[in-house]
Amino acid sequence: MTDRKNPPAFKTAEKINITKAEKQFLKNGIPLFTINAGDQEIVKITFRFLAGDIYSKNSLIPESTNAMLNEGTSEFSSAEIAEKIDFYGAFIGLQTGKHTSNLTIFTLNKHLNSTLQIVYKMLTDSVFPKKELKTYLLNGLQQFNIDRQKTEVLAREEYYKTVFGKNHIYSQLPVEKDFSSVDTKELKTFFAKFYDFSNLTIIASGKICPELIENLNLFFGNTLLKSQILQNNFDFSIKNFEPKYVFVEKENAVQATIKIGKISINKKHEDFYNLSVTNTILGGYFGSRLMKNIREDKGYTYGIYSANMSMLNSGFFVISADAGKEVYKKAVDEVFKEIKILRTEKVSDLELTRVRNYLIGSFVANFDGAFALSQAFESIFDYDLGYDFYDKYLKAIQNITASEILETAEKYLREDTMHTVISCSRD
């Protein structure tokens, strides 16, 4: 009989056994990574192209190209593609980031041949019909103008420009005139250049069956690849280090958006692990110091968070909150107060234990299931990191000391190195 009067003993994970991605190649040399970890007859396949926002002066072109892959080929209309995908119980997701654009399909193994045939057509024969493109851009422009009314959006855009510099490739965002300069011809040109299979990596996870490799080779493994792949010759250097205070006015705003932060380190840096733990204490989870002070104690905001965001060629630290416009200055003061405490006073054993337990629980959840394992792999693959990244991260969580947290906060989170961006009305 189970003794329900006494709870089970509390344990934390000492080591995580991760099902790792196995690398192989299709017949023509396209890299394929498989994670065989599923019990159900379903697989997730991601087709990753180096075709992100940075590859065009108008970021709407990469975004629109990827978003319209399901809007029609020379053989199928957008409605026919949608009908076929629904018929096979599949799902297609399209996503564009700074560096990569992805097409991801979730499909049953028994329908692999049929669904991959559709995906192949989308990745080789998309026609970007004018009518659908006009609708897509019109909807995008409407959303763009709606977003211009939000202090969160205005502050976020200004934050990127302030931290990276107005001309940096990571701070380039669409402006209204960009919507009128996108046409079918430009999308076809971008598609022909960047959706070449020489620029493709495939990642598959779930219940990997022999038919998967056979079908991938059938549709994608017979194309002769180019001998040269795209070269990344961008300038990612950051020339703006002087802390700034920037106010973005939004008339009649009923609240203020606060962004405080700076350029930081990414996953490749040896201090990334300790900084992640230090950030969690400050504002990285619901029980953080910023949340307790500014939300629970002062009532200045419904929520506040901090994060150390890793980007492929840089990183940035940010604290973000929405506050009443009459109290946002007090909220900013409390933020800087908490940062100072973090780098001058040792964290207690009780708080450090609580944060450790939270982070270990979150860490374990990152590998729960085949699709989570796929996401975990993608987050290190982009940085050319191995699975030892996760071993080092877990060890940092388990072993970091209060003194090391002080040192990390002093090194990376000094108040006098932070930019502050505020968006609200002046009244």
Protein backbone atom coordinates (compact mmCIF):
# COMPACT_ATOMS: atom_id res chain seq x y z
CA MET A 1 0.00 0.00 0.00
CA THR A 2 1.18 3.51 -0.79
CA ASP A 3 1.74 5.62 2.32
CA ARG A 4 -0.07 8.82 1.39
CA LYS A 5 0.61 10.49 4.73
CA ASN A 6 4.26 11.03 3.91
CA PRO A 7 5.39 12.65 0.65
CA PRO A 8 8.15 10.99 -1.37
CA ALA A 9 11.69 12.11 -0.67
CA PHE A 10 12.74 15.22 -2.58
CA LYS A 11 15.48 14.58 -5.11
CA THR A 12 17.24 16.69 -7.71
CA ALA A 13 18.77 15.43 -10.91
CA GLU A 14 22.48 14.71 -10.66
CA LYS A 15 22.93 13.88 -14.34
CA ILE A 16 20.68 13.91 -17.39
CA ASN A 17 20.89 11.18 -20.00
CA ILE A 18 20.06 12.91 -23.27
CA THR A 19 19.16 11.09 -26.46
CA LYS A 20 21.57 12.72 -28.86
CA ALA A 21 21.18 13.61 -32.50
CA GLU A 22 22.96 11.31 -34.94
CA LYS A 23 24.53 12.88 -37.99
CA GLN A 24 24.44 11.35 -41.44
CA PHE A 25 24.13 12.57 -45.00
CA LEU A 26 21.70 12.11 -47.82
CA LYS A 27 23.09 10.66 -51.05
CA ASN A 28 24.05 14.08 -52.37
CA GLY A 29 25.64 15.29 -49.12
CA ILE A 30 22.79 17.20 -47.45
CA PRO A 31 23.42 16.92 -43.68
CA LEU A 32 20.69 15.07 -41.80
CA PHE A 33 20.41 14.87 -38.01
CA THR A 34 18.03 12.33 -36.52
CA ILE A 35 16.81 11.99 -32.93
CA ASN A 36 15.13 8.62 -32.51
CA ALA A 37 13.19 9.07 -29.30
CA GLY A 38 9.51 8.67 -30.01
CA ASP A 39 6.96 5.99 -29.11
CA GLN A 40 4.20 7.24 -31.39
CA GLU A 41 4.27 6.88 -35.17
CA ILE A 42 4.89 10.57 -35.75
CA VAL A 43 7.92 12.55 -36.80
CA LYS A 44 8.93 16.19 -36.85
CA ILE A 45 11.15 17.26 -39.74
CA THR A 46 12.73 20.71 -39.91
CA PHE A 47 14.25 22.03 -43.14
CA ARG A 48 16.69 24.80 -42.15
CA PHE A 49 18.07 27.29 -44.66
CA LEU A 50 20.54 30.10 -44.06
CA ALA A 51 17.92 32.53 -45.29
CA GLY A 52 17.14 34.77 -42.32
CA ASP A 53 16.46 38.48 -42.02
CA ILE A 54 20.12 39.48 -42.23
CA TYR A 55 20.39 38.29 -45.83
CA SER A 56 18.36 41.20 -47.21
CA LYS A 57 18.38 44.94 -46.62
CA ASN A 58 14.60 44.67 -46.44
CA SER A 59 13.90 42.02 -43.81
CA LEU A 60 10.36 41.64 -45.15
CA ILE A 61 11.77 39.81 -48.17
CA PRO A 62 13.18 36.80 -46.25
CA GLU A 63 10.14 36.81 -43.97
CA SER A 64 7.65 36.98 -46.83
CA THR A 65 9.47 34.37 -48.89
CA ASN A 66 9.32 31.83 -46.09
CA ALA A 67 5.79 32.71 -45.00
CA MET A 68 4.47 32.22 -48.53
CA LEU A 69 5.97 28.79 -49.21
CA ASN A 70 2.52 27.30 -48.62
CA GLU A 71 0.69 29.83 -50.84
CA GLY A 72 1.01 27.93 -54.08
CA THR A 73 3.23 26.05 -56.53
CA SER A 74 2.89 25.67 -60.28
CA GLU A 75 0.85 22.51 -59.58
CA PHE A 76 -1.10 23.27 -56.39
CA SER A 77 -2.91 26.37 -55.12
CA SER A 78 -2.68 27.46 -51.50
CA ALA A 79 -6.12 25.93 -50.83
CA GLU A 80 -5.07 22.62 -52.37
CA ILE A 81 -1.87 22.53 -50.30
CA ALA A 82 -3.85 23.19 -47.12
CA GLU A 83 -6.42 20.55 -48.04
CA LYS A 84 -3.76 17.91 -48.69
CA ILE A 85 -1.90 18.67 -45.45
CA ASP A 86 -5.15 18.44 -43.48
CA PHE A 87 -6.13 15.21 -45.22
CA TYR A 88 -2.92 13.52 -44.07
CA GLY A 89 -3.28 14.84 -40.53
CA ALA A 90 -0.05 16.80 -40.86
CA PHE A 91 0.93 20.30 -39.79
CA ILE A 92 3.35 22.76 -41.37
CA GLY A 93 5.05 25.61 -39.52
CA LEU A 94 7.03 28.42 -41.13
CA GLN A 95 9.48 30.55 -39.15
CA THR A 96 12.08 33.18 -40.02
CA GLY A 97 14.78 34.38 -37.62
CA LYS A 98 17.81 36.61 -37.90
CA HIS A 99 19.99 33.89 -39.47
CA THR A 100 17.77 31.01 -40.56
CA SER A 101 14.39 30.30 -42.10
CA ASN A 102 12.68 27.02 -41.32
CA LEU A 103 9.92 24.90 -42.73
CA THR A 104 8.82 22.31 -40.16
CA ILE A 105 6.36 19.50 -40.78
CA PHE A 106 4.76 17.17 -38.25
CA THR A 107 3.50 14.05 -39.99
CA LEU A 108 2.51 10.45 -39.42
CA ASN A 109 5.10 7.93 -40.59
CA LYS A 110 2.56 6.16 -42.76
CA HIS A 111 2.06 9.36 -44.78
CA LEU A 112 5.75 10.27 -45.14
CA ASN A 113 5.86 9.84 -48.88
CA SER A 114 2.77 11.93 -49.49
CA THR A 115 3.63 14.76 -47.13
CA LEU A 116 7.29 14.99 -48.17
CA GLN A 117 6.18 15.21 -51.77
CA ILE A 118 4.19 18.33 -50.88
CA VAL A 119 7.10 19.80 -48.91
CA TYR A 120 9.46 19.12 -51.81
CA LYS A 121 7.15 21.02 -54.16
CA MET A 122 6.99 23.94 -51.72
CA LEU A 123 10.78 24.11 -51.45
CA THR A 124 11.47 23.82 -55.17
CA ASP A 125 8.44 25.16 -57.02
CA SER A 126 6.84 27.94 -54.98
CA VAL A 127 5.46 30.66 -57.28
CA PHE A 128 4.49 33.40 -54.77
CA PRO A 129 1.21 34.38 -56.46
CA LYS A 130 0.55 38.12 -56.65
CA LYS A 131 -2.94 37.98 -55.16
CA GLU A 132 -1.82 36.06 -52.07
CA LEU A 133 1.25 38.27 -51.69
CA LYS A 134 -0.89 41.41 -51.82
CA THR A 135 -3.15 40.01 -49.08
CA TYR A 136 -0.17 38.95 -46.96
CA LEU A 137 1.47 42.39 -47.19
CA LEU A 138 -1.81 44.22 -46.55
CA ASN A 139 -2.38 42.18 -43.39
CA GLY A 140 1.22 42.72 -42.37
CA LEU A 141 0.97 46.49 -42.85
CA GLN A 142 -2.23 46.63 -40.82
CA GLN A 143 -0.56 44.73 -37.98
CA PHE A 144 2.51 46.96 -38.27
CA ASN A 145 0.37 50.07 -37.79
CA ILE A 146 -1.51 48.51 -34.90
CA ASP A 147 1.82 47.66 -33.24
CA ARG A 148 2.94 51.30 -33.56
CA GLN A 149 0.26 52.12 -30.98
CA LYS A 150 1.85 49.88 -28.35
CA THR A 151 4.49 51.20 -25.97
CA GLU A 152 5.95 47.69 -25.70
CA VAL A 153 6.69 47.55 -29.43
CA LEU A 154 8.07 51.10 -29.58
CA ALA A 155 10.32 50.50 -26.58
CA ARG A 156 11.55 47.15 -27.90
CA GLU A 157 12.49 48.57 -31.29
CA GLU A 158 14.28 51.53 -29.73
CA TYR A 159 16.03 49.22 -27.28
CA TYR A 160 17.63 47.23 -30.12
CA LYS A 161 18.80 50.44 -31.80
CA THR A 162 20.18 51.79 -28.52
CA VAL A 163 22.01 48.64 -27.48
CA PHE A 164 23.39 47.49 -30.84
CA GLY A 165 23.53 50.83 -32.65
CA LYS A 166 21.11 52.14 -35.28
CA ASN A 167 23.07 50.70 -38.20
CA HIS A 168 23.85 47.29 -36.72
CA ILE A 169 22.49 44.31 -38.59
CA TYR A 170 20.68 43.03 -35.48
CA SER A 171 18.76 46.29 -35.03
CA GLN A 172 17.41 46.50 -38.59
CA LEU A 173 13.62 46.25 -38.47
CA PRO A 174 10.91 46.85 -41.11
CA VAL A 175 9.58 50.35 -41.65
CA GLU A 176 6.28 51.25 -43.30
CA LYS A 177 7.72 51.91 -46.76
CA ASP A 178 9.23 48.40 -46.87
CA PHE A 179 5.78 46.90 -47.39
CA SER A 180 5.36 48.70 -50.72
CA SER A 181 8.76 47.57 -52.03
CA VAL A 182 8.14 43.81 -51.88
CA ASP A 183 6.98 42.09 -55.04
CA THR A 184 6.82 38.59 -56.50
CA LYS A 185 9.99 39.07 -58.53
CA GLU A 186 12.08 39.88 -55.43
CA LEU A 187 10.71 36.86 -53.58
CA LYS A 188 11.49 34.56 -56.50
CA THR A 189 15.03 35.92 -56.70
CA PHE A 190 15.59 35.43 -52.96
CA PHE A 191 14.01 31.97 -53.12
CA ALA A 192 16.26 30.86 -55.99
CA LYS A 193 19.41 31.99 -54.22
CA PHE A 194 18.82 30.99 -50.61
CA TYR A 195 16.53 27.96 -50.85
CA ASP A 196 19.11 25.99 -52.78
CA PHE A 197 19.72 22.54 -51.26
CA SER A 198 23.41 23.38 -50.83
CA ASN A 199 22.14 25.75 -48.16
CA LEU A 200 19.97 23.15 -46.39
CA THR A 201 20.20 21.17 -43.17
CA ILE A 202 17.50 18.67 -42.16
CA ILE A 203 16.68 17.76 -38.54
CA ALA A 204 14.24 14.93 -37.83
CA SER A 205 12.94 13.77 -34.47
CA GLY A 206 10.34 11.32 -33.22
CA LYS A 207 10.00 7.68 -34.17
CA ILE A 208 12.59 7.42 -36.92
CA CYS A 209 11.76 4.64 -39.37
CA PRO A 210 13.80 3.36 -42.36
CA GLU A 211 11.21 4.87 -44.69
CA LEU A 212 12.16 8.34 -43.48
CA ILE A 213 15.68 8.13 -44.86
CA GLU A 214 14.42 6.49 -48.04
CA ASN A 215 11.87 9.22 -48.69
CA LEU A 216 14.24 12.05 -47.83
CA ASN A 217 16.72 10.62 -50.30
CA LEU A 218 13.97 10.15 -52.88
CA PHE A 219 12.91 13.79 -52.82
CA PHE A 220 15.98 15.66 -51.58
CA GLY A 221 18.96 13.36 -52.07
CA ASN A 222 19.10 13.29 -55.86
CA THR A 223 19.79 16.98 -56.54
CA LEU A 224 23.38 17.85 -57.40
CA LEU A 225 24.65 20.31 -54.80
CA LYS A 226 26.70 23.38 -55.62
CA SER A 227 30.38 23.19 -54.73
CA GLN A 228 30.23 26.53 -52.91
CA ILE A 229 27.88 27.46 -50.13
CA LEU A 230 26.86 30.93 -48.97
CA GLN A 231 29.50 32.81 -47.04
CA ASN A 232 28.68 34.88 -43.96
CA ASN A 233 30.73 38.07 -44.33
CA PHE A 234 28.65 40.40 -42.19
CA ASP A 235 30.07 42.89 -39.72
CA PHE A 236 28.64 42.06 -36.29
CA SER A 237 30.96 44.36 -34.33
CA ILE A 238 29.26 46.71 -31.87
CA LYS A 239 30.59 50.25 -31.64
CA ASN A 240 28.14 51.73 -29.14
CA PHE A 241 29.05 51.12 -25.48
CA GLU A 242 28.17 54.42 -23.76
CA PRO A 243 25.07 53.96 -21.56
CA LYS A 244 22.07 56.01 -22.70
CA TYR A 245 18.68 57.08 -21.41
CA VAL A 246 16.13 57.17 -24.24
CA PHE A 247 12.54 58.33 -24.01
CA VAL A 248 10.09 57.31 -26.77
CA GLU A 249 6.95 59.40 -26.62
CA LYS A 250 3.58 57.77 -27.25
CA GLU A 251 0.68 60.16 -26.95
CA ASN A 252 -2.22 59.18 -24.70
CA ALA A 253 -0.43 56.06 -23.45
CA VAL A 254 -1.96 54.82 -20.20
CA GLN A 255 1.15 52.92 -19.16
CA ALA A 256 4.91 53.02 -19.61
CA THR A 257 7.13 50.28 -20.99
CA ILE A 258 10.55 49.96 -19.40
CA LYS A 259 13.58 48.32 -21.06
CA ILE A 260 16.88 48.28 -19.17
CA GLY A 261 19.91 46.38 -20.41
CA LYS A 262 23.16 46.15 -22.30
CA ILE A 263 25.25 44.09 -24.69
CA SER A 264 26.15 40.79 -23.06
CA ILE A 265 27.63 37.35 -23.80
CA ASN A 266 26.17 34.41 -25.69
CA LYS A 267 26.24 30.64 -25.22
CA LYS A 268 29.79 30.31 -26.48
CA HIS A 269 31.22 32.26 -23.55
CA GLU A 270 32.49 30.33 -20.51
CA ASP A 271 30.65 32.69 -18.13
CA PHE A 272 27.28 32.11 -19.79
CA TYR A 273 26.27 29.39 -17.31
CA ASN A 274 26.96 31.42 -14.17
CA LEU A 275 25.31 34.48 -15.69
CA SER A 276 22.19 32.42 -16.42
CA VAL A 277 21.91 31.42 -12.76
CA THR A 278 22.62 34.98 -11.60
CA ASN A 279 19.97 36.34 -13.95
CA THR A 280 17.40 33.85 -12.64
CA ILE A 281 17.86 35.21 -9.14
CA LEU A 282 17.38 38.77 -10.34
CA GLY A 283 14.41 38.39 -12.67
CA GLY A 284 14.45 35.08 -14.51
CA TYR A 285 11.46 33.37 -12.88
CA PHE A 286 8.24 34.15 -11.04
CA GLY A 287 9.91 34.03 -7.62
CA SER A 288 12.70 36.42 -8.62
CA ARG A 289 13.78 39.49 -6.68
CA LEU A 290 12.44 41.92 -9.26
CA MET A 291 9.06 40.19 -9.22
CA LYS A 292 8.87 40.15 -5.42
CA ASN A 293 9.87 43.78 -5.06
CA ILE A 294 8.28 45.61 -7.97
CA ARG A 295 5.18 43.46 -8.46
CA GLU A 296 4.33 41.94 -5.10
CA ASP A 297 5.66 44.57 -2.69
CA LYS A 298 5.37 47.87 -4.58
CA GLY A 299 2.57 46.98 -7.00
CA TYR A 300 4.13 48.99 -9.82
CA THR A 301 3.62 46.28 -12.45
CA TYR A 302 1.77 43.05 -13.17
CA GLY A 303 5.00 41.43 -14.23
CA ILE A 304 8.69 42.06 -14.71
CA TYR A 305 11.39 39.80 -16.02
CA SER A 306 15.06 39.79 -16.93
CA ALA A 307 16.86 37.64 -19.47
CA ASN A 308 20.30 37.14 -20.93
CA MET A 309 19.48 36.56 -24.60
CA SER A 310 21.95 34.63 -26.72
CA MET A 311 22.34 35.52 -30.38
CA LEU A 312 24.61 33.82 -32.86
CA ASN A 313 27.15 36.63 -33.00
CA SER A 314 26.36 38.52 -29.84
CA GLY A 315 24.09 38.58 -26.82
CA PHE A 316 22.17 41.09 -24.77
CA PHE A 317 20.80 41.43 -21.27
CA VAL A 318 17.37 43.00 -20.79
CA ILE A 319 14.97 43.81 -17.98
CA SER A 320 11.44 44.48 -19.21
CA ALA A 321 8.23 45.63 -17.55
CA ASP A 322 5.06 47.63 -18.11
CA ALA A 323 4.22 50.05 -15.31
CA GLY A 324 1.77 52.83 -14.62
CA LYS A 325 3.13 56.01 -16.18
CA GLU A 326 2.87 57.78 -12.82
CA VAL A 327 5.19 55.25 -11.13
CA TYR A 328 7.61 54.15 -13.86
CA LYS A 329 10.44 56.31 -12.48
CA LYS A 330 10.05 54.66 -9.09
CA ALA A 331 10.05 51.25 -10.79
CA VAL A 332 13.31 52.09 -12.57
CA ASP A 333 14.87 53.16 -9.27
CA GLU A 334 13.87 49.85 -7.68
CA VAL A 335 15.35 47.91 -10.61
CA PHE A 336 18.73 49.56 -10.13
CA LYS A 337 18.45 49.06 -6.39
CA GLU A 338 18.00 45.29 -6.87
CA ILE A 339 20.92 45.12 -9.31
CA LYS A 340 23.17 46.82 -6.77
CA ILE A 341 22.09 44.46 -4.00
CA LEU A 342 22.77 41.46 -6.25
CA ARG A 343 26.39 42.50 -6.85
CA THR A 344 27.16 43.71 -3.31
CA GLU A 345 25.36 41.30 -0.95
CA LYS A 346 25.70 37.53 -0.93
CA VAL A 347 22.64 35.50 -1.78
CA SER A 348 21.40 33.37 1.12
CA ASP A 349 21.70 29.59 1.10
CA LEU A 350 17.90 29.31 1.21
CA GLU A 351 17.38 31.48 -1.89
CA LEU A 352 20.21 29.83 -3.79
CA THR A 353 18.78 26.38 -3.05
CA ARG A 354 15.33 27.48 -4.22
CA VAL A 355 16.73 28.85 -7.49
CA ARG A 356 18.82 25.71 -8.01
CA ASN A 357 15.77 23.50 -7.64
CA TYR A 358 13.77 25.66 -10.03
CA LEU A 359 16.52 25.65 -12.66
CA ILE A 360 17.12 21.90 -12.41
CA GLY A 361 13.40 21.25 -12.83
CA SER A 362 13.30 23.51 -15.88
CA PHE A 363 16.47 21.91 -17.20
CA VAL A 364 14.98 18.41 -17.04
CA ALA A 365 11.81 19.61 -18.80
CA ASN A 366 13.92 20.77 -21.75
CA PHE A 367 14.53 17.12 -22.68
CA ASP A 368 11.06 15.72 -22.09
CA GLY A 369 10.05 14.09 -25.35
CA ALA A 370 11.41 13.77 -28.85
CA PHE A 371 10.36 17.23 -29.99
CA ALA A 372 11.86 18.90 -26.92
CA LEU A 373 15.08 17.00 -27.63
CA SER A 374 14.98 18.38 -31.15
CA GLN A 375 14.64 21.92 -29.85
CA ALA A 376 17.51 21.36 -27.41
CA PHE A 377 19.71 20.14 -30.25
CA GLU A 378 18.84 23.07 -32.51
CA SER A 379 19.75 25.55 -29.77
CA ILE A 380 23.35 24.23 -29.64
CA PHE A 381 23.69 23.29 -33.32
CA ASP A 382 23.39 26.92 -34.41
CA TYR A 383 26.34 27.82 -32.18
CA ASP A 384 28.48 24.87 -33.23
CA LEU A 385 28.39 23.57 -29.65
CA GLY A 386 28.34 19.98 -28.46
CA TYR A 387 26.13 18.30 -25.90
CA ASP A 388 28.74 19.04 -23.24
CA PHE A 389 27.13 22.49 -23.18
CA TYR A 390 24.29 20.96 -21.17
CA ASP A 391 26.67 19.06 -18.88
CA LYS A 392 28.47 22.31 -18.08
CA TYR A 393 25.21 24.14 -17.54
CA LEU A 394 23.91 21.53 -15.09
CA LYS A 395 27.22 21.53 -13.18
CA ALA A 396 27.08 25.32 -12.94
CA ILE A 397 23.57 25.16 -11.49
CA GLN A 398 24.62 22.52 -8.98
CA ASN A 399 27.93 24.05 -7.91
CA ILE A 400 27.75 27.84 -8.22
CA THR A 401 28.50 29.64 -4.96
CA ALA A 402 27.23 32.87 -3.48
CA SER A 403 30.66 34.41 -4.04
CA GLU A 404 30.62 33.45 -7.71
CA ILE A 405 27.21 35.07 -8.09
CA LEU A 406 28.61 38.30 -6.62
CA GLU A 407 31.54 38.18 -9.01
CA THR A 408 29.30 37.50 -12.01
CA ALA A 409 26.91 40.32 -11.16
CA GLU A 410 29.80 42.73 -10.64
CA LYS A 411 31.34 41.73 -13.98
CA TYR A 412 28.22 41.80 -16.15
CA LEU A 413 25.40 43.63 -14.39
CA ARG A 414 26.73 46.95 -13.11
CA GLU A 415 24.08 49.66 -13.07
CA ASP A 416 26.40 52.21 -14.69
CA THR A 417 26.74 50.02 -17.81
CA MET A 418 23.00 49.79 -18.51
CA HIS A 419 20.93 51.55 -21.16
CA THR A 420 17.41 52.64 -20.16
CA VAL A 421 14.60 52.97 -22.69
CA ILE A 422 11.17 54.26 -21.68
CA SER A 423 8.08 54.59 -23.86
CA CYS A 424 4.99 56.45 -22.63
CA SER A 425 3.25 59.81 -22.91
CA ARG A 426 4.90 62.92 -21.44
CA ASP A 427 1.85 64.18 -19.57
